[in-house]
Protein backbone atom coordinates (compact mmCIF):
# COMPACT_ATOMS: atom_id res chain seq x y z
CA UNK A 1 -125.20 174.67 -40.22
CA UNK A 2 -127.93 172.03 -39.97
CA UNK A 3 -130.27 174.55 -38.35
CA UNK A 4 -129.83 176.96 -41.27
CA UNK A 5 -130.50 174.19 -43.76
CA UNK A 6 -133.60 173.05 -41.89
CA UNK A 7 -134.96 176.58 -41.57
CA UNK A 8 -134.42 177.24 -45.28
CA UNK A 9 -136.20 173.98 -46.17
CA UNK A 10 -139.09 174.80 -43.84
CA UNK A 11 -139.48 178.33 -45.19
CA UNK A 12 -139.35 177.05 -48.79
CA UNK A 13 -141.96 174.40 -48.02
CA UNK A 14 -144.22 177.01 -46.41
CA UNK A 15 -143.84 179.25 -49.46
CA UNK A 16 -144.79 176.34 -51.72
CA UNK A 17 -147.84 175.54 -49.58
CA UNK A 18 -148.94 179.19 -49.61
CA UNK A 19 -148.56 179.31 -53.38
CA UNK A 20 -145.82 181.95 -53.34
CA UNK A 21 -143.35 179.57 -54.97
CA UNK A 22 -143.75 176.72 -57.45
CA UNK A 23 -142.35 173.33 -56.48
CA UNK A 24 -139.31 172.30 -58.48
CA UNK A 25 -138.64 168.65 -59.26
CA UNK A 26 -135.18 167.47 -58.35
CA UNK A 27 -133.51 165.19 -60.87
CA UNK A 28 -132.12 162.06 -59.30
CA UNK A 29 -129.20 160.58 -61.25
CA UNK A 30 -129.61 156.97 -62.30
CA UNK A 31 -127.08 154.43 -61.18
CA UNK A 32 -125.03 152.41 -63.60
CA UNK A 33 -127.15 149.31 -63.18
CA UNK A 34 -130.26 151.28 -64.13
CA UNK A 35 -131.92 151.22 -60.73
CA UNK A 36 -133.02 154.49 -59.23
CA UNK A 37 -132.28 155.36 -55.64
CA UNK A 38 -134.33 157.88 -53.66
CA UNK A 39 -132.45 160.78 -52.13
CA UNK A 40 -131.55 160.15 -48.51
CA UNK A 41 -133.77 163.03 -47.41
CA UNK A 42 -136.91 161.83 -49.22
CA UNK A 43 -138.28 160.00 -46.20
CA UNK A 44 -137.45 162.88 -43.86
CA UNK A 45 -139.07 165.39 -46.24
CA UNK A 46 -142.30 163.40 -46.44
CA UNK A 47 -142.37 162.96 -42.66
CA UNK A 48 -141.70 166.66 -42.13
CA UNK A 49 -144.36 167.54 -44.70
CA UNK A 50 -146.91 165.36 -42.93
CA UNK A 51 -146.10 166.94 -39.58
CA UNK A 52 -146.32 170.46 -41.02
CA UNK A 53 -149.65 169.64 -42.66
CA UNK A 54 -150.98 168.22 -39.39
CA UNK A 55 -149.74 171.28 -37.47
CA UNK A 56 -151.44 173.57 -40.00
CA UNK A 57 -154.72 171.69 -39.63
CA UNK A 58 -154.53 171.93 -35.85
CA UNK A 59 -153.76 175.66 -36.01
CA UNK A 60 -156.75 176.24 -38.27
CA UNK A 61 -159.00 174.21 -35.98
CA UNK A 62 -159.71 171.52 -38.58
CA UNK A 63 -157.97 168.55 -37.00
CA UNK A 64 -158.48 167.07 -33.59
CA UNK A 65 -155.49 166.77 -31.29
CA UNK A 66 -154.45 163.18 -30.74
CA UNK A 67 -153.89 161.82 -27.29
CA UNK A 68 -150.31 160.96 -26.40
CA UNK A 69 -149.41 157.32 -26.38
CA UNK A 70 -150.19 155.59 -23.12
CA UNK A 71 -147.46 153.04 -23.69
CA UNK A 72 -145.54 152.32 -20.50
CA UNK A 73 -141.80 152.92 -20.69
CA UNK A 74 -139.65 150.64 -18.58
CA UNK A 75 -136.00 151.76 -18.62
CA UNK A 76 -134.82 148.51 -17.05
CA UNK A 77 -135.99 146.43 -20.00
CA UNK A 78 -135.24 149.10 -22.60
CA UNK A 79 -131.59 149.64 -21.60
CA UNK A 80 -130.29 146.21 -20.68
CA UNK A 81 -126.68 147.38 -20.95
CA UNK A 82 -127.05 149.44 -17.75
CA UNK A 83 -127.47 148.09 -14.24
CA UNK A 84 -130.43 149.14 -12.10
CA UNK A 85 -128.11 151.27 -9.97
CA UNK A 86 -126.77 153.09 -13.04
CA UNK A 87 -130.29 153.79 -14.29
CA UNK A 88 -131.36 155.06 -10.87
CA UNK A 89 -128.31 157.36 -10.79
CA UNK A 90 -129.16 158.70 -14.26
CA UNK A 91 -132.79 159.28 -13.27
CA UNK A 92 -131.64 161.12 -10.15
CA UNK A 93 -129.28 163.30 -12.22
CA UNK A 94 -132.07 163.96 -14.76
CA UNK A 95 -134.50 165.06 -12.05
CA UNK A 96 -131.84 167.31 -10.54
CA UNK A 97 -131.46 169.28 -13.79
CA UNK A 98 -135.13 169.19 -14.84
CA UNK A 99 -135.88 172.66 -13.45
CA UNK A 100 -139.43 172.77 -14.83
CA UNK A 101 -140.28 169.37 -13.31
CA UNK A 102 -142.02 168.53 -16.59
CA UNK A 103 -139.97 165.39 -17.34
CA UNK A 104 -138.22 167.18 -20.21
CA UNK A 105 -134.84 168.86 -20.34
CA UNK A 106 -134.86 171.85 -22.66
CA UNK A 107 -131.78 173.19 -24.41
CA UNK A 108 -130.72 175.57 -21.63
CA UNK A 109 -131.16 172.89 -18.95
CA UNK A 110 -129.11 170.49 -21.06
CA UNK A 111 -126.40 173.11 -21.54
CA UNK A 112 -126.27 173.78 -17.79
CA UNK A 113 -126.14 170.06 -17.03
CA UNK A 114 -123.32 169.46 -19.50
CA UNK A 115 -121.32 172.40 -18.13
CA UNK A 116 -121.76 171.19 -14.56
CA UNK A 117 -120.79 167.63 -15.48
CA UNK A 118 -117.66 168.77 -17.32
CA UNK A 119 -118.64 168.58 -20.99
CA UNK A 120 -117.11 172.02 -21.60
CA UNK A 121 -113.69 170.41 -21.16
CA UNK A 122 -114.34 168.15 -24.14
CA UNK A 123 -114.78 170.96 -26.67
CA UNK A 124 -111.71 172.36 -28.45
CA UNK A 125 -110.50 175.72 -27.19
């Protein structure tokens, strides 16, 4: 459901950017006290628009790719609710299911991991 909504928004935004469709203003109802509230998706739309614009510039060769952040991630200070042993066990499990050894688990790897760890028993039959 959310994927369909996202894909329709992305395709509409691309059509607007290509000039195939005119943007339509969305009326936001005013509250009783007279203050206006932004729609909850306004921030996400602007962020998505900025990312799409950046991606378009990169694809056209106009923008320069930015270097990834060199910020060091320390799981022991980031997740204080877990003990060092628990974090080590989670890292070991992650590395076991990271088939590409690229420090990312894609959707199929995640699905396999969840099936092996018993998540399929949690879903309704």
